[in-house]
Amino acid sequence: MKIKHQLSGLILLVSTVFFTGSAAAQKERTTKIEQLAELPKSKTHITKELEARIIETVKPVLEQIEKLLSEDGSGNYALYKDEVRKVNEAKSADEKMLLLQKIQKNFYPFIKSIWDQAKIDDNQYQQKIKGLFPDHLKETIRFKEFLNFTISSSSQKPIPPPPPKPSNTCVDANTLFKGLFGIDGGAIGSVQVQVAPARPPSPAEIVVGAGAAIIGFYRGQGWIRNTITIPGTFPSDSRSLRSKKTFDWRGTASAASIAGCSWSTVAYSSAPNDTDFRSSGEIYTAVAPVIFLCIFTKKASKTEEAVFSKTDLTGLQFGLTCYGSATSSIFLSHAHAHSAAAIIKWEVCEE
């Protein structure tokens, strides 16, 4: 069963939830998926104010590059624009990545020659861009060619020591699935969120995809939770509960600019109320402020343990969240984000 939400015209929002199995099972599972009326305010790397400051900082560079491109008589600029537009029209994340790799291979010499002719002081502009960010992010910025850069941040809480004795009272939290999702955005682009319960051997999964072009902005987020109750699933007493979950995450953030600024962000977290994805997660942003491509890919496989009191249902019920956003600041730029996570195993035991 597939559920879609869509706005017509230039604004498109698509949210998708997949189910398989019998009609009765499908009906039961639909009650486990909930759409949020509004996405929470996440503290991502780039705000609208910061975006405006980046654009203003690289404005002299963009003007030089645009002048040289307008004077190009080789025909490569027109071909480059056509290929970047094909990326935006591609439907799947794999297809987009293949097209981006093709552009990187075929047009790098042309873009490099234009950049060299412009005689940009890369180091000077890199320092200017770095100076726009708060201290905790400056050291995570990694510059590539053409002033393109990535931002990352992650920190993990230490795993509590194992209990002295194993507990026999355990539940498989993946079987107590509760899914949430939220989407928003506007102008040209799309966002898709898929949240699916575990169907052994397949794990519980979240897939978020966002794309933006022509001054578009789209973001989506999905959550996997459980429906543990106390009393109910466990008795209400003074014993603690140890949650152990194993999950995989993969993210791809890409920004493609013909002439202008675009950026995308991918993130995940395994802790509730982690609005900046840093206390128990990771967040990455790819930015192309002037021209060409910036692509960032990351994978993570983790096993985490945490001990909760039986009064902390918020922490106990939280499994994983996955986030993706894409922004195109002007007509000649595109951005894409693909963020996917799966909880392979999630066990909660009394101790």
Protein backbone atom coordinates (compact mmCIF):
# COMPACT_ATOMS: atom_id res chain seq x y z
CA MET A 1 0.00 0.00 0.00
CA LYS A 2 1.41 3.40 -0.92
CA ILE A 3 0.24 6.69 0.55
CA LYS A 4 1.01 9.94 -1.31
CA HIS A 5 0.50 13.59 -0.47
CA GLN A 6 0.91 16.08 -3.31
CA LEU A 7 0.51 19.77 -4.06
CA SER A 8 -0.06 20.87 -7.65
CA GLY A 9 1.66 23.55 -9.72
CA LEU A 10 5.24 24.45 -8.90
CA ILE A 11 5.07 23.02 -5.39
CA LEU A 12 5.40 19.27 -4.95
CA LEU A 13 5.51 17.32 -1.72
CA VAL A 14 5.47 13.54 -1.86
CA SER A 15 5.51 11.29 1.19
CA THR A 16 5.48 7.55 0.72
CA VAL A 17 4.97 4.70 3.16
CA PHE A 18 5.38 1.12 1.92
CA PHE A 19 3.56 -1.95 3.21
CA THR A 20 3.41 -5.54 2.03
CA GLY A 21 1.45 -8.58 3.12
CA SER A 22 -2.22 -9.40 3.50
CA ALA A 23 -5.00 -6.82 3.44
CA ALA A 24 -5.57 -7.32 7.17
CA ALA A 25 -1.88 -6.85 7.89
CA GLN A 26 -1.79 -3.73 5.74
CA LYS A 27 -4.76 -2.24 7.59
CA GLU A 28 -3.08 -2.96 10.92
CA ARG A 29 0.22 -1.40 9.81
CA THR A 30 -1.37 1.81 8.56
CA THR A 31 -2.41 2.53 12.13
CA LYS A 32 1.27 2.46 13.07
CA ILE A 33 2.30 5.28 10.72
CA GLU A 34 1.66 8.88 11.69
CA GLN A 35 2.42 12.08 9.75
CA LEU A 36 3.47 15.10 11.77
CA ALA A 37 1.54 18.28 11.06
CA GLU A 38 4.80 20.23 11.21
CA LEU A 39 8.47 19.24 11.21
CA PRO A 40 10.45 20.13 14.35
CA LYS A 41 12.91 23.04 14.09
CA SER A 42 16.21 21.25 13.53
CA LYS A 43 19.49 23.09 14.05
CA THR A 44 21.17 22.26 10.76
CA HIS A 45 24.46 23.68 9.53
CA ILE A 46 23.17 26.48 7.28
CA THR A 47 20.42 28.96 8.13
CA LYS A 48 18.83 31.33 5.61
CA GLU A 49 20.86 34.19 7.14
CA LEU A 50 24.11 32.25 6.81
CA GLU A 51 23.22 31.24 3.26
CA ALA A 52 22.78 34.93 2.33
CA ARG A 53 26.19 35.77 3.83
CA ILE A 54 27.87 32.97 1.85
CA ILE A 55 26.29 34.20 -1.38
CA GLU A 56 27.40 37.78 -0.66
CA THR A 57 30.95 36.63 0.19
CA VAL A 58 31.46 34.76 -3.11
CA LYS A 59 29.60 37.31 -5.24
CA PRO A 60 32.83 38.74 -6.79
CA VAL A 61 33.95 35.22 -7.69
CA LEU A 62 30.60 34.39 -9.28
CA GLU A 63 30.68 37.58 -11.36
CA GLN A 64 34.14 36.70 -12.70
CA ILE A 65 33.11 33.12 -13.50
CA GLU A 66 29.86 34.18 -15.20
CA LYS A 67 31.76 36.68 -17.39
CA LEU A 68 34.22 34.00 -18.54
CA LEU A 69 31.43 31.50 -19.16
CA SER A 70 29.49 34.01 -21.26
CA GLU A 71 32.59 34.51 -23.41
CA ASP A 72 33.21 30.79 -23.91
CA GLY A 73 32.96 29.80 -27.55
CA SER A 74 33.64 26.07 -27.17
CA GLY A 75 30.00 25.07 -26.55
CA ASN A 76 31.00 23.28 -23.34
CA TYR A 77 29.03 25.66 -21.13
CA ALA A 78 25.76 24.89 -22.93
CA LEU A 79 26.47 21.14 -22.71
CA TYR A 80 27.34 21.47 -19.03
CA LYS A 81 24.02 23.23 -18.29
CA ASP A 82 22.08 20.51 -20.13
CA GLU A 83 23.81 17.73 -18.17
CA VAL A 84 23.17 19.42 -14.80
CA ARG A 85 19.48 19.79 -15.69
CA LYS A 86 19.33 16.04 -16.45
CA VAL A 87 20.42 15.36 -12.86
CA ASN A 88 17.41 17.24 -11.56
CA GLU A 89 15.08 15.30 -13.86
CA ALA A 90 16.45 11.89 -12.82
CA LYS A 91 14.05 9.90 -10.63
CA SER A 92 16.25 7.66 -8.47
CA ALA A 93 19.22 8.40 -6.21
CA ASP A 94 21.36 5.87 -8.12
CA GLU A 95 20.53 7.49 -11.47
CA LYS A 96 21.39 10.93 -10.10
CA MET A 97 24.74 9.70 -8.79
CA LEU A 98 25.67 8.14 -12.14
CA LEU A 99 24.88 11.41 -13.92
CA LEU A 100 26.90 13.42 -11.38
CA GLN A 101 29.88 11.12 -11.83
CA LYS A 102 29.60 11.54 -15.61
CA ILE A 103 29.58 15.33 -15.25
CA GLN A 104 32.56 15.20 -12.92
CA LYS A 105 34.54 13.16 -15.45
CA ASN A 106 33.54 14.97 -18.66
CA PHE A 107 33.44 18.61 -17.58
CA TYR A 108 36.12 18.89 -14.91
CA PRO A 109 38.82 20.05 -17.43
CA PHE A 110 36.49 22.76 -18.79
CA ILE A 111 35.47 24.08 -15.35
CA LYS A 112 39.11 23.94 -14.15
CA SER A 113 40.26 26.02 -17.13
CA ILE A 114 37.59 28.66 -16.45
CA TRP A 115 38.52 28.77 -12.77
CA ASP A 116 42.24 29.14 -13.57
CA GLN A 117 41.52 31.99 -15.98
CA ALA A 118 39.62 33.81 -13.22
CA LYS A 119 42.76 33.75 -10.99
CA ILE A 120 40.74 33.35 -7.80
CA ASP A 121 42.62 33.60 -4.50
CA ASP A 122 41.19 30.35 -3.13
CA ASN A 123 42.85 30.61 0.28
CA GLN A 124 41.52 34.13 0.86
CA TYR A 125 37.94 33.12 0.08
CA GLN A 126 38.20 29.89 2.05
CA GLN A 127 39.13 31.90 5.14
CA LYS A 128 36.29 34.34 4.51
CA ILE A 129 33.77 31.50 4.20
CA LYS A 130 35.16 29.74 7.29
CA GLY A 131 34.82 32.98 9.25
CA LEU A 132 31.07 32.98 8.68
CA PHE A 133 30.56 29.79 10.72
CA PRO A 134 30.48 29.32 14.52
CA ASP A 135 33.63 27.96 16.18
CA HIS A 136 32.29 24.43 16.72
CA LEU A 137 31.79 24.01 12.94
CA LYS A 138 34.87 25.83 11.57
CA GLU A 139 37.20 22.90 12.28
CA THR A 140 34.89 20.43 10.53
CA ILE A 141 34.86 22.34 7.22
CA ARG A 142 36.83 20.63 4.43
CA PHE A 143 37.34 22.59 1.21
CA LYS A 144 37.49 21.07 -2.24
CA GLU A 145 38.20 22.77 -5.54
CA PHE A 146 36.15 25.79 -6.71
CA LEU A 147 35.44 26.81 -3.07
CA ASN A 148 33.08 23.84 -2.70
CA PHE A 149 33.14 22.45 0.83
CA THR A 150 31.61 19.95 3.23
CA ILE A 151 30.69 20.33 6.89
CA SER A 152 30.48 17.53 9.41
CA SER A 153 29.91 17.08 13.10
CA SER A 154 29.43 14.07 15.29
CA SER A 155 29.93 12.97 18.84
CA GLN A 156 28.88 9.81 20.60
CA LYS A 157 27.96 9.19 24.21
CA PRO A 158 30.03 6.46 25.90
CA ILE A 159 28.34 3.04 26.05
CA PRO A 160 27.35 2.15 29.61
CA PRO A 161 29.12 -0.88 31.08
CA PRO A 162 27.26 -4.18 30.67
CA PRO A 163 25.14 -5.42 33.58
CA PRO A 164 26.73 -7.94 35.95
CA LYS A 165 24.09 -10.54 35.07
CA PRO A 166 22.14 -11.00 31.84
CA SER A 167 18.42 -10.43 32.12
CA ASN A 168 15.93 -13.02 30.92
CA THR A 169 13.07 -10.55 30.50
CA CYS A 170 13.53 -9.04 27.04
CA VAL A 171 11.41 -7.78 24.15
CA ASP A 172 12.16 -7.28 20.46
CA ALA A 173 11.43 -3.55 20.07
CA ASN A 174 11.36 -3.88 16.26
CA THR A 175 8.10 -5.84 16.61
CA LEU A 176 6.59 -2.92 18.55
CA PHE A 177 7.08 -0.52 15.62
CA LYS A 178 5.68 3.01 15.53
CA GLY A 179 6.59 5.25 12.56
CA LEU A 180 6.44 9.03 12.13
CA PHE A 181 7.29 11.28 9.20
CA GLY A 182 7.17 14.96 8.28
CA ILE A 183 7.75 16.99 5.10
CA ASP A 184 7.81 20.58 3.94
CA GLY A 185 9.15 22.76 1.14
CA GLY A 186 8.29 24.96 -1.79
CA ALA A 187 9.01 25.96 -5.42
CA ILE A 188 10.60 23.44 -7.82
CA GLY A 189 11.66 20.13 -6.27
CA SER A 190 10.32 17.19 -4.31
CA VAL A 191 10.67 15.28 -1.07
CA GLN A 192 9.91 11.65 -0.31
CA VAL A 193 9.87 9.90 3.07
CA GLN A 194 9.44 6.15 3.43
CA VAL A 195 8.99 4.57 6.87
CA ALA A 196 8.50 0.81 7.05
CA PRO A 197 8.19 -1.68 9.94
CA ALA A 198 10.47 -4.70 10.20
CA ARG A 199 9.44 -7.62 7.98
CA PRO A 200 12.03 -10.31 8.80
CA PRO A 201 14.56 -10.70 7.38
CA SER A 202 14.11 -7.05 6.33
CA PRO A 203 14.74 -4.52 9.16
CA ALA A 204 12.71 -1.47 10.14
CA GLU A 205 13.70 1.27 7.69
CA ILE A 206 13.59 5.00 6.96
CA VAL A 207 14.45 6.48 3.55
CA VAL A 208 14.43 10.25 2.99
CA GLY A 209 15.06 11.85 -0.40
CA ALA A 210 14.95 15.58 -1.19
CA GLY A 211 15.69 17.50 -4.37
CA ALA A 212 15.54 21.22 -5.14
CA ALA A 213 15.98 23.43 -8.21
CA ILE A 214 15.11 26.99 -9.24
CA ILE A 215 14.96 28.58 -5.78
CA GLY A 216 13.46 25.46 -4.24
CA PHE A 217 13.74 24.23 -0.65
CA TYR A 218 12.60 20.81 0.52
CA ARG A 219 13.21 18.79 3.65
CA GLY A 220 11.92 15.56 5.10
CA GLN A 221 12.40 13.54 8.26
CA GLY A 222 11.33 10.09 9.42
CA TRP A 223 11.33 8.44 12.85
CA ILE A 224 11.27 4.84 14.10
CA ARG A 225 9.92 4.40 17.60
CA ASN A 226 8.44 1.56 19.65
CA THR A 227 5.20 1.28 21.58
CA ILE A 228 6.59 -0.06 24.87
CA THR A 229 4.26 0.75 27.77
CA ILE A 230 4.82 0.63 31.54
CA PRO A 231 2.93 -0.98 33.05
CA GLY A 232 2.10 -3.23 30.14
CA THR A 233 5.14 -4.39 28.22
CA PHE A 234 7.09 -4.38 31.51
CA PRO A 235 5.82 -4.10 35.10
CA SER A 236 6.16 -0.77 36.89
CA ASP A 237 8.96 -1.28 39.42
CA SER A 238 12.43 0.04 40.30
CA ARG A 239 14.35 -2.12 37.84
CA SER A 240 16.12 -0.44 34.94
CA LEU A 241 15.79 -1.26 31.24
CA ARG A 242 18.76 -1.69 28.93
CA SER A 243 18.15 -0.86 25.27
CA LYS A 244 20.58 -2.26 22.71
CA LYS A 245 20.15 -1.48 19.03
CA THR A 246 22.20 -2.15 15.95
CA PHE A 247 21.61 0.07 12.93
CA ASP A 248 23.06 1.11 9.58
CA TRP A 249 22.93 4.56 8.00
CA ARG A 250 24.03 5.89 4.65
CA GLY A 251 23.81 9.42 3.34
CA THR A 252 24.61 11.23 0.11
CA ALA A 253 24.55 15.01 -0.14
CA SER A 254 25.18 16.65 -3.50
CA ALA A 255 25.12 20.19 -4.84
CA ALA A 256 25.37 21.05 -8.53
CA SER A 257 25.75 24.64 -9.65
CA ILE A 258 25.69 26.04 -13.17
CA ALA A 259 26.27 29.49 -11.69
CA GLY A 260 25.00 30.10 -8.17
CA CYS A 261 24.60 28.61 -4.70
CA SER A 262 23.07 25.27 -3.74
CA TRP A 263 23.47 22.95 -0.78
CA SER A 264 22.08 19.79 0.77
CA THR A 265 22.20 18.19 4.21
CA VAL A 266 21.87 14.58 5.42
CA ALA A 267 21.74 13.49 9.04
CA TYR A 268 20.62 10.89 11.56
CA SER A 269 20.38 10.55 15.32
CA SER A 270 19.63 7.75 17.75
CA ALA A 271 18.56 10.04 20.60
CA PRO A 272 15.29 11.93 21.18
CA ASN A 273 15.29 15.74 21.15
CA ASP A 274 18.65 15.80 19.35
CA THR A 275 17.71 18.77 17.19
CA ASP A 276 21.24 19.41 15.89
CA PHE A 277 22.04 15.69 15.26
CA ARG A 278 25.28 15.96 17.26
CA SER A 279 24.76 14.33 20.68
CA SER A 280 24.07 10.85 19.28
CA GLY A 281 24.23 11.24 15.53
CA GLU A 282 26.00 12.74 12.56
CA ILE A 283 25.18 15.59 10.17
CA TYR A 284 26.85 16.45 6.87
CA THR A 285 26.33 19.26 4.37
CA ALA A 286 27.61 19.66 0.81
CA VAL A 287 27.80 23.21 -0.57
CA ALA A 288 28.49 24.50 -4.10
CA PRO A 289 28.55 28.30 -3.66
CA VAL A 290 29.72 29.24 -7.17
CA ILE A 291 30.02 26.46 -9.79
CA PHE A 292 30.41 22.73 -10.52
CA LEU A 293 29.74 19.85 -8.11
CA CYS A 294 30.17 19.05 -4.44
CA ILE A 295 29.37 15.43 -3.49
CA PHE A 296 29.61 13.87 -0.03
CA THR A 297 28.86 10.25 0.88
CA LYS A 298 29.01 8.60 4.28
CA LYS A 299 28.09 5.24 5.81
CA ALA A 300 27.81 4.22 9.46
CA SER A 301 27.16 0.89 11.18
CA LYS A 302 26.71 1.10 14.94
CA THR A 303 25.62 -0.79 18.00
CA GLU A 304 24.50 1.39 20.89
CA GLU A 305 23.45 0.60 24.45
CA ALA A 306 21.69 2.84 26.92
CA VAL A 307 20.16 2.29 30.34
CA PHE A 308 16.79 3.88 31.14
CA SER A 309 14.61 4.10 34.20
CA LYS A 310 11.08 2.86 33.67
CA THR A 311 9.84 6.42 34.03
CA ASP A 312 11.77 7.61 30.94
CA LEU A 313 9.39 6.48 28.21
CA THR A 314 10.57 9.22 25.82
CA GLY A 315 14.09 7.85 25.71
CA LEU A 316 13.01 4.23 25.87
CA GLN A 317 10.58 4.46 22.95
CA PHE A 318 12.95 6.34 20.63
CA GLY A 319 14.74 4.31 17.97
CA LEU A 320 16.18 6.41 15.15
CA THR A 321 15.54 9.50 13.04
CA CYS A 322 16.73 10.24 9.51
CA TYR A 323 16.83 13.71 7.88
CA GLY A 324 17.46 15.14 4.43
CA SER A 325 17.12 18.61 2.92
CA ALA A 326 18.00 20.34 -0.35
CA THR A 327 18.14 24.03 -1.25
CA SER A 328 18.63 25.86 -4.53
CA SER A 329 19.23 29.59 -4.05
CA ILE A 330 19.01 30.71 -7.68
CA PHE A 331 17.69 29.48 -11.02
CA LEU A 332 20.92 27.82 -12.16
CA SER A 333 21.59 25.40 -9.31
CA HIS A 334 20.33 22.05 -8.09
CA ALA A 335 20.70 20.06 -4.84
CA HIS A 336 19.90 16.50 -3.80
CA ALA A 337 19.93 14.63 -0.50
CA HIS A 338 19.46 10.91 0.16
CA SER A 339 19.45 9.69 3.76
CA ALA A 340 18.55 6.09 4.68
CA ALA A 341 18.69 4.11 7.91
CA ALA A 342 17.72 0.64 9.10
CA ILE A 343 17.48 -0.80 12.62
CA ILE A 344 18.83 -4.31 12.20
CA LYS A 345 18.20 -5.41 15.78
CA TRP A 346 16.63 -3.64 18.77
CA GLU A 347 16.34 -5.43 22.09
CA VAL A 348 15.12 -4.04 25.41
CA CYS A 349 15.79 -6.06 28.59
CA GLU A 350 15.11 -5.64 32.26
CA GLU A 351 18.05 -5.72 34.66
